[in-house]
N, C-alpha and C. Protein backbone atom coordinates (compact mmCIF):
# COMPACT_ATOMS: atom_id res chain seq x y z
N MET A 1 61.85 -7.76 1.25
CA MET A 1 61.76 -8.56 2.29
C MET A 1 61.73 -9.93 2.08
N HIS A 2 62.69 -11.27 2.27
CA HIS A 2 62.67 -12.52 1.96
C HIS A 2 62.51 -12.95 3.72
N LEU A 3 61.39 -13.50 4.00
CA LEU A 3 61.31 -14.02 5.30
C LEU A 3 61.15 -15.63 5.25
N ALA A 4 61.85 -16.46 5.91
CA ALA A 4 61.28 -17.75 6.49
C ALA A 4 60.01 -18.06 6.67
N THR A 5 58.97 -18.86 5.89
CA THR A 5 57.97 -19.54 6.97
C THR A 5 57.47 -20.82 6.54
N PRO A 6 58.50 -21.49 7.67
CA PRO A 6 58.51 -23.15 7.75
C PRO A 6 57.07 -23.49 7.64
N VAL A 7 56.20 -23.10 8.73
CA VAL A 7 55.20 -23.39 9.00
C VAL A 7 54.12 -23.28 7.95
N ALA A 8 54.66 -22.28 7.04
CA ALA A 8 53.28 -22.31 6.04
C ALA A 8 54.05 -23.38 5.00
N ALA A 9 55.35 -23.47 4.97
CA ALA A 9 55.57 -24.19 3.94
C ALA A 9 55.16 -25.55 4.30
N ALA A 10 55.15 -26.19 5.59
CA ALA A 10 54.87 -27.74 6.23
C ALA A 10 52.94 -27.56 5.75
N ALA A 11 52.65 -26.62 5.86
CA ALA A 11 51.36 -26.79 5.91
C ALA A 11 50.75 -27.09 4.10
N GLU A 12 51.43 -26.43 3.36
CA GLU A 12 51.27 -26.50 2.09
C GLU A 12 51.50 -28.15 1.82
N GLN A 13 52.74 -28.39 2.24
CA GLN A 13 53.25 -29.83 1.91
C GLN A 13 51.73 -30.72 2.44
N LEU A 14 51.22 -30.34 3.36
CA LEU A 14 50.12 -31.23 3.89
C LEU A 14 48.90 -31.25 3.11
N PHE A 15 48.98 -30.46 2.53
CA PHE A 15 47.71 -29.72 1.60
C PHE A 15 47.86 -30.47 0.22
N LEU A 16 49.47 -30.31 -0.03
CA LEU A 16 49.38 -31.09 -1.30
C LEU A 16 49.28 -33.11 -1.24
N LEU A 17 49.86 -33.61 -0.23
CA LEU A 17 49.07 -34.40 0.36
C LEU A 17 48.19 -34.91 0.06
N GLY A 18 47.22 -34.26 0.90
CA GLY A 18 45.53 -34.59 0.93
C GLY A 18 45.54 -33.94 -0.72
N GLU A 19 45.59 -33.69 -1.22
CA GLU A 19 45.05 -33.45 -2.44
C GLU A 19 45.53 -35.12 -3.49
N SER A 20 46.76 -35.40 -3.20
CA SER A 20 47.05 -36.57 -3.75
C SER A 20 46.59 -37.98 -3.34
N LEU A 21 45.85 -37.82 -2.32
CA LEU A 21 45.03 -38.67 -1.73
C LEU A 21 43.61 -38.85 -1.79
N GLY A 22 43.33 -37.78 -2.66
CA GLY A 22 41.82 -37.58 -2.88
C GLY A 22 40.78 -36.57 -2.16
N LEU A 23 41.32 -35.50 -1.69
CA LEU A 23 41.13 -35.17 -0.75
C LEU A 23 40.20 -33.62 -1.29
N ALA A 24 40.70 -32.94 -2.51
CA ALA A 24 41.04 -31.91 -3.06
C ALA A 24 39.38 -31.38 -2.82
N ALA A 25 38.49 -31.88 -2.84
CA ALA A 25 36.87 -31.35 -2.92
C ALA A 25 36.80 -31.30 -1.64
N ARG A 26 37.07 -31.26 -0.25
CA ARG A 26 36.89 -31.11 0.98
C ARG A 26 37.68 -30.20 1.24
N ASP A 27 36.97 -29.57 2.54
CA ASP A 27 37.57 -28.09 2.83
C ASP A 27 38.78 -28.40 3.65
N ASP A 28 39.31 -27.60 4.34
CA ASP A 28 40.70 -27.29 4.88
C ASP A 28 40.79 -28.37 5.83
N SER A 29 39.87 -28.46 6.84
CA SER A 29 39.75 -29.32 7.72
C SER A 29 40.17 -30.94 7.28
N ALA A 30 40.31 -31.39 6.14
CA ALA A 30 40.63 -32.50 5.52
C ALA A 30 42.27 -32.58 6.16
N VAL A 31 42.72 -31.97 6.11
CA VAL A 31 44.13 -32.14 6.49
C VAL A 31 44.42 -32.91 7.79
N ILE A 32 43.35 -32.84 8.48
CA ILE A 32 43.56 -34.01 9.44
C ILE A 32 43.75 -35.64 9.23
N THR A 33 42.95 -35.63 8.36
CA THR A 33 42.54 -37.00 7.66
C THR A 33 44.13 -37.45 7.14
N VAL A 34 45.07 -36.68 6.98
CA VAL A 34 46.29 -36.68 6.22
C VAL A 34 47.33 -36.83 7.48
N VAL A 35 47.23 -36.04 8.59
CA VAL A 35 47.85 -36.29 9.85
C VAL A 35 47.49 -36.90 10.84
N ALA A 36 46.24 -37.45 10.54
CA ALA A 36 45.55 -38.67 11.84
C ALA A 36 44.27 -39.49 11.41
N PRO A 37 45.17 -40.12 9.87
CA PRO A 37 44.62 -41.24 9.20
C PRO A 37 43.30 -42.26 10.33
N GLY A 38 42.39 -42.46 9.59
CA GLY A 38 41.29 -43.36 11.01
C GLY A 38 40.65 -42.55 12.13
N ARG A 39 41.17 -41.33 12.02
CA ARG A 39 40.88 -40.76 13.09
C ARG A 39 39.52 -39.66 13.45
N ASP A 40 38.89 -39.82 11.78
CA ASP A 40 37.86 -38.66 11.56
C ASP A 40 36.33 -39.27 11.84
């Protein structure tokens, strides 16, 4: 069964962007830094 998971794909892209910004060592909440920089 193949199901589209657009939200999961978007989340993965945010994690990959965060990783490229040097946030890989932080926990999953670091995605907020990607979505709203300067608001942490």
